[in-house]
C-alpha atoms as a PDB file:
ATOM      1  CA  MET A   1       7.388 -63.554   0.414  1.00  0.00           C
ATOM      2  CA  ASN A   2       9.296 -64.517   3.586  1.00  0.00           C
ATOM      3  CA  PHE A   3       7.277 -66.855   5.798  1.00  0.00           C
ATOM      4  CA  ASP A   4       9.877 -67.127   8.584  1.00  0.00           C
ATOM      5  CA  LYS A   5       7.870 -64.680  10.688  1.00  0.00           C
ATOM      6  CA  TRP A   6       5.067 -67.273  10.740  1.00  0.00           C
ATOM      7  CA  GLY A   7       7.327 -70.216  11.519  1.00  0.00           C
ATOM      8  CA  GLY A   8       7.369 -71.330   7.902  1.00  0.00           C
ATOM      9  CA  LYS A   9       3.577 -71.348   7.564  1.00  0.00           C
ATOM     10  CA  ARG A  10       1.804 -69.285   4.919  1.00  0.00           C
ATOM     11  CA  TYR A  11      -0.517 -67.757   7.487  1.00  0.00           C
ATOM     12  CA  TYR A  12      -0.250 -66.128  10.907  1.00  0.00           C
ATOM     13  CA  THR A  13      -0.796 -68.976  13.352  1.00  0.00           C
ATOM     14  CA  LEU A  14      -1.776 -68.690  16.987  1.00  0.00           C
ATOM     15  CA  ASN A  15       1.378 -70.578  17.915  1.00  0.00           C
ATOM     16  CA  SER A  16       3.524 -67.945  16.170  1.00  0.00           C
ATOM     17  CA  PHE A  17       1.649 -65.126  17.866  1.00  0.00           C
ATOM     18  CA  LEU A  18       1.954 -66.633  21.340  1.00  0.00           C
ATOM     19  CA  ARG A  19       5.627 -67.541  20.976  1.00  0.00           C
ATOM     20  CA  HIS A  20       6.397 -64.008  19.826  1.00  0.00           C
ATOM     21  CA  LYS A  21       4.366 -62.447  22.643  1.00  0.00           C
ATOM     22  CA  PHE A  22       5.477 -64.681  25.510  1.00  0.00           C
ATOM     23  CA  GLY A  23       8.764 -66.130  24.263  1.00  0.00           C
ATOM     24  CA  GLU A  24       7.805 -69.767  24.801  1.00  0.00           C
ATOM     25  CA  LYS A  25       5.132 -72.400  24.199  1.00  0.00           C
ATOM     26  CA  VAL A  26       1.728 -71.452  25.605  1.00  0.00           C
ATOM     27  CA  PHE A  27      -1.159 -73.888  26.093  1.00  0.00           C
ATOM     28  CA  LYS A  28      -4.876 -73.326  26.457  1.00  0.00           C
ATOM     29  CA  ILE A  29      -6.556 -74.807  29.502  1.00  0.00           C
ATOM     30  CA  SER A  30     -10.258 -75.132  28.650  1.00  0.00           C
ATOM     31  CA  ILE A  31     -12.602 -74.444  31.553  1.00  0.00           C
ATOM     32  CA  ASP A  32     -16.343 -74.834  32.058  1.00  0.00           C
ATOM     33  CA  GLY A  33     -17.303 -71.914  34.289  1.00  0.00           C
ATOM     34  CA  GLY A  34     -20.752 -73.311  35.067  1.00  0.00           C
ATOM     35  CA  PHE A  35     -22.590 -70.659  33.057  1.00  0.00           C
ATOM     36  CA  THR A  36     -25.616 -71.017  30.800  1.00  0.00           C
ATOM     37  CA  CYS A  37     -26.673 -69.032  27.727  1.00  0.00           C
ATOM     38  CA  PRO A  38     -29.501 -66.548  27.008  1.00  0.00           C
ATOM     39  CA  ASN A  39     -30.196 -68.611  23.908  1.00  0.00           C
ATOM     40  CA  ARG A  40     -30.980 -71.580  26.147  1.00  0.00           C
ATOM     41  CA  ASP A  41     -32.653 -70.211  29.249  1.00  0.00           C
ATOM     42  CA  GLY A  42     -35.366 -68.278  27.422  1.00  0.00           C
ATOM     43  CA  LYS A  43     -34.022 -64.744  27.674  1.00  0.00           C
ATOM     44  CA  VAL A  44     -33.313 -64.750  23.925  1.00  0.00           C
ATOM     45  CA  ALA A  45     -34.582 -68.182  22.914  1.00  0.00           C
ATOM     46  CA  LYS A  46     -34.594 -71.796  24.063  1.00  0.00           C
ATOM     47  CA  GLY A  47     -32.600 -74.730  22.825  1.00  0.00           C
ATOM     48  CA  GLY A  48     -29.509 -72.780  21.790  1.00  0.00           C
ATOM     49  CA  CYS A  49     -27.976 -72.570  18.332  1.00  0.00           C
ATOM     50  CA  ILE A  50     -29.022 -75.660  16.393  1.00  0.00           C
ATOM     51  CA  PHE A  51     -25.444 -76.933  15.993  1.00  0.00           C
ATOM     52  CA  CYS A  52     -24.484 -76.462  19.640  1.00  0.00           C
ATOM     53  CA  SER A  53     -23.863 -79.592  21.712  1.00  0.00           C
ATOM     54  CA  GLU A  54     -25.238 -80.259  25.156  1.00  0.00           C
ATOM     55  CA  HIS A  55     -21.893 -79.042  26.497  1.00  0.00           C
ATOM     56  CA  GLY A  56     -22.344 -75.576  25.009  1.00  0.00           C
ATOM     57  CA  SER A  57     -19.447 -75.929  22.550  1.00  0.00           C
ATOM     58  CA  GLY A  58     -17.200 -76.884  25.433  1.00  0.00           C
ATOM     59  CA  ASP A  59     -16.887 -80.584  24.645  1.00  0.00           C
ATOM     60  CA  PHE A  60     -13.200 -80.611  25.546  1.00  0.00           C
ATOM     61  CA  ALA A  61     -13.443 -78.324  28.574  1.00  0.00           C
ATOM     62  CA  GLY A  62     -13.191 -79.462  32.169  1.00  0.00           C
ATOM     63  CA  SER A  63     -16.139 -80.704  34.196  1.00  0.00           C
ATOM     64  CA  ARG A  64     -18.432 -78.065  35.677  1.00  0.00           C
ATOM     65  CA  LEU A  65     -18.879 -80.376  38.653  1.00  0.00           C
ATOM     66  CA  LEU A  66     -15.371 -79.385  39.720  1.00  0.00           C
ATOM     67  CA  SER A  67     -14.012 -76.066  40.908  1.00  0.00           C
ATOM     68  CA  ILE A  68     -12.206 -73.793  38.472  1.00  0.00           C
ATOM     69  CA  SER A  69      -8.894 -74.690  40.147  1.00  0.00           C
ATOM     70  CA  ASP A  70      -9.499 -78.436  40.003  1.00  0.00           C
ATOM     71  CA  GLN A  71     -10.512 -78.258  36.343  1.00  0.00           C
ATOM     72  CA  PHE A  72      -7.372 -76.281  35.576  1.00  0.00           C
ATOM     73  CA  ASP A  73      -5.131 -78.771  37.375  1.00  0.00           C
ATOM     74  CA  ASN A  74      -6.738 -81.780  35.648  1.00  0.00           C
ATOM     75  CA  VAL A  75      -6.367 -80.352  32.149  1.00  0.00           C
ATOM     76  CA  LYS A  76      -2.854 -79.111  32.918  1.00  0.00           C
ATOM     77  CA  ASP A  77      -1.816 -82.596  34.049  1.00  0.00           C
ATOM     78  CA  MET A  78      -3.019 -84.038  30.734  1.00  0.00           C
ATOM     79  CA  MET A  79      -1.173 -81.343  28.787  1.00  0.00           C
ATOM     80  CA  GLU A  80       2.071 -82.011  30.614  1.00  0.00           C
ATOM     81  CA  LYS A  81       2.064 -85.614  29.404  1.00  0.00           C
ATOM     82  CA  LYS A  82       2.685 -84.246  25.891  1.00  0.00           C
ATOM     83  CA  TRP A  83       4.609 -81.050  26.640  1.00  0.00           C
ATOM     84  CA  HIS A  84       6.734 -80.738  29.733  1.00  0.00           C
ATOM     85  CA  SER A  85       7.099 -76.971  29.902  1.00  0.00           C
ATOM     86  CA  GLY A  86       5.268 -73.822  28.938  1.00  0.00           C
ATOM     87  CA  LYS A  87       2.816 -71.195  30.125  1.00  0.00           C
ATOM     88  CA  TYR A  88      -0.970 -71.270  30.124  1.00  0.00           C
ATOM     89  CA  ILE A  89      -4.075 -69.501  28.892  1.00  0.00           C
ATOM     90  CA  ALA A  90      -7.126 -69.875  31.118  1.00  0.00           C
ATOM     91  CA  TYR A  91      -9.835 -70.404  28.480  1.00  0.00           C
ATOM     92  CA  PHE A  92     -13.459 -70.079  29.556  1.00  0.00           C
ATOM     93  CA  GLN A  93     -14.922 -72.017  26.653  1.00  0.00           C
ATOM     94  CA  ALA A  94     -18.290 -73.619  27.448  1.00  0.00           C
ATOM     95  CA  TYR A  95     -21.564 -71.723  27.012  1.00  0.00           C
ATOM     96  CA  THR A  96     -21.631 -67.908  27.467  1.00  0.00           C
ATOM     97  CA  ASN A  97     -18.867 -66.801  29.793  1.00  0.00           C
ATOM     98  CA  THR A  98     -19.992 -63.245  30.478  1.00  0.00           C
ATOM     99  CA  TYR A  99     -23.595 -64.253  31.229  1.00  0.00           C
ATOM    100  CA  ALA A 100     -23.639 -63.931  35.011  1.00  0.00           C
ATOM    101  CA  PRO A 101     -23.474 -61.223  37.680  1.00  0.00           C
ATOM    102  CA  VAL A 102     -20.197 -59.319  37.509  1.00  0.00           C
ATOM    103  CA  ASP A 103     -19.191 -60.376  41.034  1.00  0.00           C
ATOM    104  CA  GLU A 104     -19.483 -64.028  40.009  1.00  0.00           C
ATOM    105  CA  LEU A 105     -17.511 -63.410  36.825  1.00  0.00           C
ATOM    106  CA  ARG A 106     -14.757 -61.635  38.755  1.00  0.00           C
ATOM    107  CA  ARG A 107     -14.494 -64.444  41.288  1.00  0.00           C
ATOM    108  CA  LYS A 108     -14.212 -67.164  38.648  1.00  0.00           C
ATOM    109  CA  TYR A 109     -11.828 -65.258  36.397  1.00  0.00           C
ATOM    110  CA  GLU A 110      -9.620 -64.407  39.377  1.00  0.00           C
ATOM    111  CA  GLU A 111      -9.523 -68.032  40.488  1.00  0.00           C
ATOM    112  CA  ALA A 112      -8.360 -69.077  37.032  1.00  0.00           C
ATOM    113  CA  ILE A 113      -5.681 -66.436  36.528  1.00  0.00           C
ATOM    114  CA  SER A 114      -4.281 -67.028  40.009  1.00  0.00           C
ATOM    115  CA  LYS A 115      -3.028 -70.442  38.910  1.00  0.00           C
ATOM    116  CA  GLU A 116       0.724 -70.698  38.469  1.00  0.00           C
ATOM    117  CA  GLY A 117       1.930 -70.118  34.932  1.00  0.00           C
ATOM    118  CA  VAL A 118      -1.174 -68.366  33.600  1.00  0.00           C
ATOM    119  CA  VAL A 119      -0.195 -65.526  31.276  1.00  0.00           C
ATOM    120  CA  ALA A 120      -3.488 -64.869  29.483  1.00  0.00           C
ATOM    121  CA  LEU A 121      -7.249 -65.105  29.848  1.00  0.00           C
ATOM    122  CA  ALA A 122      -9.554 -66.043  26.945  1.00  0.00           C
ATOM    123  CA  ILE A 123     -13.319 -65.652  27.286  1.00  0.00           C
ATOM    124  CA  ALA A 124     -15.848 -67.073  24.835  1.00  0.00           C
ATOM    125  CA  THR A 125     -19.184 -65.278  24.812  1.00  0.00           C
ATOM    126  CA  ARG A 126     -22.004 -63.824  22.727  1.00  0.00           C
ATOM    127  CA  PRO A 127     -21.959 -60.249  21.397  1.00  0.00           C
ATOM    128  CA  ASP A 128     -25.327 -59.592  23.051  1.00  0.00           C
ATOM    129  CA  CYS A 129     -23.812 -60.403  26.460  1.00  0.00           C
ATOM    130  CA  VAL A 130     -21.188 -57.681  26.622  1.00  0.00           C
ATOM    131  CA  SER A 131     -22.698 -55.072  28.933  1.00  0.00           C
ATOM    132  CA  GLU A 132     -20.907 -51.942  30.099  1.00  0.00           C
ATOM    133  CA  GLU A 133     -20.434 -53.583  33.513  1.00  0.00           C
ATOM    134  CA  VAL A 134     -18.783 -56.571  31.849  1.00  0.00           C
ATOM    135  CA  LEU A 135     -16.586 -54.242  29.807  1.00  0.00           C
ATOM    136  CA  ASP A 136     -15.532 -52.458  32.993  1.00  0.00           C
ATOM    137  CA  LEU A 137     -14.495 -55.798  34.492  1.00  0.00           C
ATOM    138  CA  LEU A 138     -12.622 -56.930  31.384  1.00  0.00           C
ATOM    139  CA  GLU A 139     -10.789 -53.623  31.149  1.00  0.00           C
ATOM    140  CA  GLU A 140      -9.848 -53.901  34.823  1.00  0.00           C
ATOM    141  CA  MET A 141      -8.497 -57.427  34.348  1.00  0.00           C
ATOM    142  CA  SER A 142      -6.683 -56.531  31.130  1.00  0.00           C
ATOM    143  CA  LYS A 143      -4.362 -54.414  33.269  1.00  0.00           C
ATOM    144  CA  LYS A 144      -3.235 -57.599  35.041  1.00  0.00           C
ATOM    145  CA  LEU A 145      -2.620 -59.856  32.040  1.00  0.00           C
ATOM    146  CA  TYR A 146      -3.340 -60.295  28.349  1.00  0.00           C
ATOM    147  CA  ILE A 147      -7.034 -60.885  27.512  1.00  0.00           C
ATOM    148  CA  TRP A 148      -8.955 -61.721  24.393  1.00  0.00           C
ATOM    149  CA  VAL A 149     -12.709 -62.164  23.984  1.00  0.00           C
ATOM    150  CA  GLU A 150     -14.157 -64.663  21.511  1.00  0.00           C
ATOM    151  CA  LEU A 151     -17.423 -63.808  19.761  1.00  0.00           C
ATOM    152  CA  GLY A 152     -19.370 -66.466  17.877  1.00  0.00           C
ATOM    153  CA  LEU A 153     -20.569 -64.745  14.732  1.00  0.00           C
ATOM    154  CA  GLN A 154     -20.644 -67.956  12.630  1.00  0.00           C
ATOM    155  CA  THR A 155     -22.157 -66.134   9.624  1.00  0.00           C
ATOM    156  CA  SER A 156     -22.638 -62.567   8.435  1.00  0.00           C
ATOM    157  CA  ASN A 157     -25.902 -63.617   6.751  1.00  0.00           C
ATOM    158  CA  ASP A 158     -28.845 -62.706   8.983  1.00  0.00           C
ATOM    159  CA  LYS A 159     -31.126 -65.157   7.129  1.00  0.00           C
ATOM    160  CA  THR A 160     -28.787 -68.029   7.978  1.00  0.00           C
ATOM    161  CA  ALA A 161     -28.598 -66.675  11.525  1.00  0.00           C
ATOM    162  CA  GLU A 162     -32.359 -67.168  11.832  1.00  0.00           C
ATOM    163  CA  ILE A 163     -32.089 -70.730  10.564  1.00  0.00           C
ATOM    164  CA  ILE A 164     -29.442 -71.625  13.126  1.00  0.00           C
ATOM    165  CA  ASN A 165     -31.313 -69.794  15.912  1.00  0.00           C
ATOM    166  CA  ARG A 166     -28.382 -67.477  16.652  1.00  0.00           C
ATOM    167  CA  GLY A 167     -30.620 -64.917  18.323  1.00  0.00           C
ATOM    168  CA  TYR A 168     -29.025 -61.634  17.234  1.00  0.00           C
ATOM    169  CA  LYS A 169     -28.361 -59.656  14.053  1.00  0.00           C
ATOM    170  CA  LEU A 170     -25.045 -58.789  12.464  1.00  0.00           C
ATOM    171  CA  GLU A 171     -25.226 -55.212  13.749  1.00  0.00           C
ATOM    172  CA  VAL A 172     -25.114 -56.532  17.328  1.00  0.00           C
ATOM    173  CA  PHE A 173     -21.816 -58.272  16.599  1.00  0.00           C
ATOM    174  CA  ASP A 174     -20.371 -55.166  14.949  1.00  0.00           C
ATOM    175  CA  ASP A 175     -21.371 -53.030  17.933  1.00  0.00           C
ATOM    176  CA  ALA A 176     -19.825 -55.473  20.426  1.00  0.00           C
ATOM    177  CA  VAL A 177     -16.530 -55.436  18.505  1.00  0.00           C
ATOM    178  CA  LYS A 178     -16.531 -51.654  18.526  1.00  0.00           C
ATOM    179  CA  ARG A 179     -17.169 -51.459  22.282  1.00  0.00           C
ATOM    180  CA  LEU A 180     -14.571 -54.095  23.157  1.00  0.00           C
ATOM    181  CA  ARG A 181     -11.972 -52.366  21.040  1.00  0.00           C
ATOM    182  CA  SER A 182     -12.790 -49.035  22.708  1.00  0.00           C
ATOM    183  CA  ARG A 183     -11.465 -50.691  25.895  1.00  0.00           C
ATOM    184  CA  ASN A 184      -8.400 -51.982  24.016  1.00  0.00           C
ATOM    185  CA  ILE A 185      -9.526 -55.615  24.367  1.00  0.00           C
ATOM    186  CA  ASP A 186      -8.625 -57.976  21.531  1.00  0.00           C
ATOM    187  CA  VAL A 187     -11.451 -59.765  19.732  1.00  0.00           C
ATOM    188  CA  VAL A 188     -11.386 -63.229  18.159  1.00  0.00           C
ATOM    189  CA  ALA A 189     -14.343 -64.002  15.879  1.00  0.00           C
ATOM    190  CA  HIS A 190     -15.737 -67.427  14.980  1.00  0.00           C
ATOM    191  CA  ALA A 191     -17.068 -68.377  11.539  1.00  0.00           C
ATOM    192  CA  ILE A 192     -18.528 -71.725  10.468  1.00  0.00           C
ATOM    193  CA  PHE A 193     -18.344 -73.173   6.955  1.00  0.00           C
ATOM    194  CA  GLY A 194     -21.123 -75.530   5.876  1.00  0.00           C
ATOM    195  CA  LEU A 195     -24.131 -74.029   7.648  1.00  0.00           C
ATOM    196  CA  PRO A 196     -27.508 -75.124   6.214  1.00  0.00           C
ATOM    197  CA  GLY A 197     -28.477 -73.286   3.047  1.00  0.00           C
ATOM    198  CA  GLU A 198     -25.222 -71.370   2.688  1.00  0.00           C
ATOM    199  CA  THR A 199     -23.377 -71.162  -0.613  1.00  0.00           C
ATOM    200  CA  GLU A 200     -19.629 -70.838  -0.959  1.00  0.00           C
ATOM    201  CA  ASP A 201     -20.185 -67.143  -1.710  1.00  0.00           C
ATOM    202  CA  ASP A 202     -22.023 -66.787   1.613  1.00  0.00           C
ATOM    203  CA  MET A 203     -19.122 -68.332   3.496  1.00  0.00           C
ATOM    204  CA  ILE A 204     -16.552 -66.113   1.816  1.00  0.00           C
ATOM    205  CA  ALA A 205     -18.782 -63.079   2.451  1.00  0.00           C
ATOM    206  CA  THR A 206     -18.583 -63.823   6.176  1.00  0.00           C
ATOM    207  CA  VAL A 207     -14.791 -63.957   5.971  1.00  0.00           C
ATOM    208  CA  ASP A 208     -14.748 -60.680   4.026  1.00  0.00           C
ATOM    209  CA  HIS A 209     -16.900 -59.006   6.672  1.00  0.00           C
ATOM    210  CA  LEU A 210     -14.562 -60.151   9.430  1.00  0.00           C
ATOM    211  CA  ALA A 211     -11.468 -59.248   7.404  1.00  0.00           C
ATOM    212  CA  HIS A 212     -12.697 -55.659   7.305  1.00  0.00           C
ATOM    213  CA  SER A 213     -13.691 -55.572  10.975  1.00  0.00           C
ATOM    214  CA  ASP A 214     -11.484 -54.466  13.861  1.00  0.00           C
ATOM    215  CA  ILE A 215     -10.751 -57.988  15.045  1.00  0.00           C
ATOM    216  CA  GLN A 216      -7.369 -59.374  16.031  1.00  0.00           C
ATOM    217  CA  GLY A 217      -8.044 -63.076  15.587  1.00  0.00           C
ATOM    218  CA  ILE A 218     -10.299 -65.470  13.687  1.00  0.00           C
ATOM    219  CA  LYS A 219     -11.398 -69.066  14.104  1.00  0.00           C
ATOM    220  CA  LEU A 220     -12.638 -70.904  11.025  1.00  0.00           C
ATOM    221  CA  HIS A 221     -14.681 -74.009  11.761  1.00  0.00           C
ATOM    222  CA  LEU A 222     -16.168 -76.850   9.779  1.00  0.00           C
ATOM    223  CA  LEU A 223     -19.795 -77.493  10.697  1.00  0.00           C
ATOM    224  CA  HIS A 224     -20.028 -80.734  12.656  1.00  0.00           C
ATOM    225  CA  LEU A 225     -23.304 -82.580  12.992  1.00  0.00           C
ATOM    226  CA  MET A 226     -23.459 -84.051  16.469  1.00  0.00           C
ATOM    227  CA  LYS A 227     -25.982 -86.307  18.101  1.00  0.00           C
ATOM    228  CA  HIS A 228     -28.673 -84.731  20.281  1.00  0.00           C
ATOM    229  CA  THR A 229     -28.484 -81.347  18.538  1.00  0.00           C
ATOM    230  CA  ARG A 230     -31.383 -79.603  16.847  1.00  0.00           C
ATOM    231  CA  LEU A 231     -29.451 -79.690  13.589  1.00  0.00           C
ATOM    232  CA  VAL A 232     -30.091 -83.440  13.293  1.00  0.00           C
ATOM    233  CA  LYS A 233     -33.709 -82.761  12.276  1.00  0.00           C
ATOM    234  CA  LEU A 234     -32.626 -80.652   9.287  1.00  0.00           C
ATOM    235  CA  TYR A 235     -30.189 -83.366   8.270  1.00  0.00           C
ATOM    236  CA  GLU A 236     -32.887 -86.024   8.434  1.00  0.00           C
ATOM    237  CA  GLU A 237     -35.125 -83.789   6.310  1.00  0.00           C
ATOM    238  CA  GLY A 238     -32.424 -83.478   3.661  1.00  0.00           C
ATOM    239  CA  LYS A 239     -31.850 -79.780   4.341  1.00  0.00           C
ATOM    240  CA  LEU A 240     -28.193 -80.128   5.306  1.00  0.00           C
ATOM    241  CA  GLN A 241     -25.430 -81.250   2.980  1.00  0.00           C
ATOM    242  CA  PHE A 242     -21.967 -81.958   4.328  1.00  0.00           C
ATOM    243  CA  LEU A 243     -18.994 -80.262   2.712  1.00  0.00           C
ATOM    244  CA  GLU A 244     -16.533 -82.633   1.065  1.00  0.00           C
ATOM    245  CA  LYS A 245     -12.942 -82.540   2.296  1.00  0.00           C
ATOM    246  CA  ASP A 246     -11.505 -81.091  -0.923  1.00  0.00           C
ATOM    247  CA  GLN A 247     -14.262 -78.490  -1.043  1.00  0.00           C
ATOM    248  CA  TYR A 248     -13.551 -77.418   2.524  1.00  0.00           C
ATOM    249  CA  VAL A 249      -9.790 -77.276   1.976  1.00  0.00           C
ATOM    250  CA  ASN A 250     -10.196 -75.098  -1.106  1.00  0.00           C
ATOM    251  CA  LEU A 251     -12.621 -72.791   0.705  1.00  0.00           C
ATOM    252  CA  ILE A 252     -10.261 -72.395   3.643  1.00  0.00           C
ATOM    253  CA  CYS A 253      -7.340 -71.580   1.355  1.00  0.00           C
ATOM    254  CA  LYS A 254      -9.431 -68.969  -0.454  1.00  0.00           C
ATOM    255  CA  ALA A 255     -10.508 -67.525   2.887  1.00  0.00           C
ATOM    256  CA  ILE A 256      -6.934 -67.272   4.169  1.00  0.00           C
ATOM    257  CA  THR A 257      -5.891 -65.189   1.168  1.00  0.00           C
ATOM    258  CA  ARG A 258      -8.672 -62.700   1.954  1.00  0.00           C
ATOM    259  CA  ILE A 259      -7.674 -62.184   5.602  1.00  0.00           C
ATOM    260  CA  PRO A 260      -5.184 -59.337   6.252  1.00  0.00           C
ATOM    261  CA  ASP A 261      -1.855 -60.540   7.558  1.00  0.00           C
ATOM    262  CA  HIS A 262      -2.137 -58.820  10.959  1.00  0.00           C
ATOM    263  CA  ILE A 263      -5.102 -61.014  12.017  1.00  0.00           C
ATOM    264  CA  VAL A 264      -4.067 -64.148  13.907  1.00  0.00           C
ATOM    265  CA  ILE A 265      -5.658 -67.336  12.583  1.00  0.00           C
ATOM    266  CA  HIS A 266      -6.477 -69.321  15.717  1.00  0.00           C
ATOM    267  CA  ARG A 267      -8.098 -72.293  14.003  1.00  0.00           C
ATOM    268  CA  LEU A 268      -8.686 -73.715  10.520  1.00  0.00           C
ATOM    269  CA  THR A 269     -10.910 -76.631  11.438  1.00  0.00           C
ATOM    270  CA  GLY A 270     -12.714 -77.774  14.560  1.00  0.00           C
ATOM    271  CA  ASP A 271     -12.880 -80.820  16.776  1.00  0.00           C
ATOM    272  CA  ALA A 272     -15.846 -82.960  17.672  1.00  0.00           C
ATOM    273  CA  PRO A 273     -15.946 -85.999  19.975  1.00  0.00           C
ATOM    274  CA  ARG A 274     -15.892 -89.169  17.875  1.00  0.00           C
ATOM    275  CA  GLN A 275     -18.670 -90.757  19.911  1.00  0.00           C
ATOM    276  CA  SER A 276     -21.121 -87.946  19.208  1.00  0.00           C
ATOM    277  CA  LEU A 277     -20.146 -87.031  15.627  1.00  0.00           C
ATOM    278  CA  ILE A 278     -22.580 -87.920  12.832  1.00  0.00           C
ATOM    279  CA  GLY A 279     -20.584 -86.224  10.088  1.00  0.00           C
ATOM    280  CA  PRO A 280     -18.628 -85.338   8.133  1.00  0.00           C
ATOM    281  CA  MET A 281     -16.482 -88.229   9.307  1.00  0.00           C
ATOM    282  CA  TRP A 282     -13.401 -87.128   7.361  1.00  0.00           C
ATOM    283  CA  SER A 283     -13.084 -84.286   9.885  1.00  0.00           C
ATOM    284  CA  LEU A 284     -11.866 -86.757  12.504  1.00  0.00           C
ATOM    285  CA  LYS A 285      -8.511 -86.886  10.704  1.00  0.00           C
ATOM    286  CA  LYS A 286      -7.661 -83.353  11.728  1.00  0.00           C
ATOM    287  CA  TRP A 287      -3.968 -83.436  10.860  1.00  0.00           C
ATOM    288  CA  GLU A 288      -4.738 -84.767   7.388  1.00  0.00           C
ATOM    289  CA  VAL A 289      -7.016 -81.779   6.845  1.00  0.00           C
ATOM    290  CA  LEU A 290      -4.425 -79.304   8.124  1.00  0.00           C
ATOM    291  CA  ASN A 291      -1.704 -80.887   5.986  1.00  0.00           C
ATOM    292  CA  ALA A 292      -3.987 -80.718   2.943  1.00  0.00           C
ATOM    293  CA  ILE A 293      -4.509 -76.998   3.607  1.00  0.00           C
ATOM    294  CA  ASP A 294      -0.750 -76.428   3.817  1.00  0.00           C
ATOM    295  CA  ASP A 295      -0.225 -78.388   0.580  1.00  0.00           C
ATOM    296  CA  CYS A 296      -2.939 -76.412  -1.202  1.00  0.00           C
ATOM    297  CA  MET A 297      -1.460 -73.109  -0.051  1.00  0.00           C
ATOM    298  CA  GLU A 298       2.020 -74.048  -1.245  1.00  0.00           C
ATOM    299  CA  LYS A 299       0.913 -75.592  -4.538  1.00  0.00           C
ATOM    300  CA  ASN A 300      -1.017 -72.468  -5.519  1.00  0.00           C
ATOM    301  CA  ASN A 301       1.467 -70.020  -3.986  1.00  0.00           C
ATOM    302  CA  TYR A 302      -1.276 -68.708  -1.702  1.00  0.00           C
ATOM    303  CA  TYR A 303      -0.561 -66.822   1.493  1.00  0.00           C
ATOM    304  CA  GLN A 304      -2.505 -64.813   4.025  1.00  0.00           C
ATOM    305  CA  GLY A 305      -3.488 -61.395   2.741  1.00  0.00           C
ATOM    306  CA  LEU A 306      -2.792 -62.159  -0.920  1.00  0.00           C
ATOM    307  CA  ASP A 307      -6.308 -61.191  -1.997  1.00  0.00           C
ATOM    308  CA  PHE A 308      -7.186 -58.762   0.777  1.00  0.00           C
ATOM    309  CA  HIS A 309      -8.156 -55.424  -0.687  1.00  0.00           C
ATOM    310  CA  THR A 310      -9.299 -52.502   1.436  1.00  0.00           C
ATOM    311  CA  ASN A 311     -10.873 -50.566  -1.410  1.00  0.00           C
ATOM    312  CA  ASN A 312     -13.275 -53.093  -2.926  1.00  0.00           C
ATOM    313  CA  TYR A 313     -15.348 -54.043   0.114  1.00  0.00           C
ATOM    314  CA  LYS A 314     -18.836 -52.647   0.644  1.00  0.00           C
END
């Protein structure tokens, strides 16, 4: 197996994909568009998903007190201290970024993509917030630059979805993927390992479902317990057990082998602010985790797609 196409990695990284597509380094600029979420304002539920922080999973995005342009410039300035050249992805990360009138969405998206050096637009949202009007807008904008939409599935198990207060069933996700793809818009799906009550088989089942879906990218996350989230109550009641580092690494390696090699792996673990993280604390050493995954893949001669089979999935 020749891994040169993936920059020497044993899986298809986002960095490889972006360098191939744009010919140079591309950075994400995380933006808080000032939106809310139907799982917070009462339309679907209140309080949001039980793991979601007060920043709506946008803990590293810009400040919603600033304009889109000012947020972009602030984050860009920080990026340029590490990397002095490259292009940018305007990433609407916090809360639900299609949950607003279409005119407002258009105005904010346009402000972001008008910034110098922006070559792509990434929009994180919920699958129950992808109306036909939103699809019309996304299709319109996809003719100007590359777009992907991120959908937070987290788990394919509808029982777990009820526990975490996700607010929609698996069929809603599948339908949203189908409708986005009908407009030729790429989809990146999120999955979380370590959700309360889930077994390792449950986690791999989620990966298998996504591996056989028409998605173009996947983000695999470790569940972080953060202060001031509803998940803290379950932890205090003994209903949440943290994954150990070795357990997580082995699960991720198994998952990678079951993902077809055309799907871009955007993330293999997540970030959480140190000051708000309750656990697992080993997750703070992100590069140690990523290096352990690489070591595990090489030691076992694993690679992306090794165990992906199109004929044995129901």
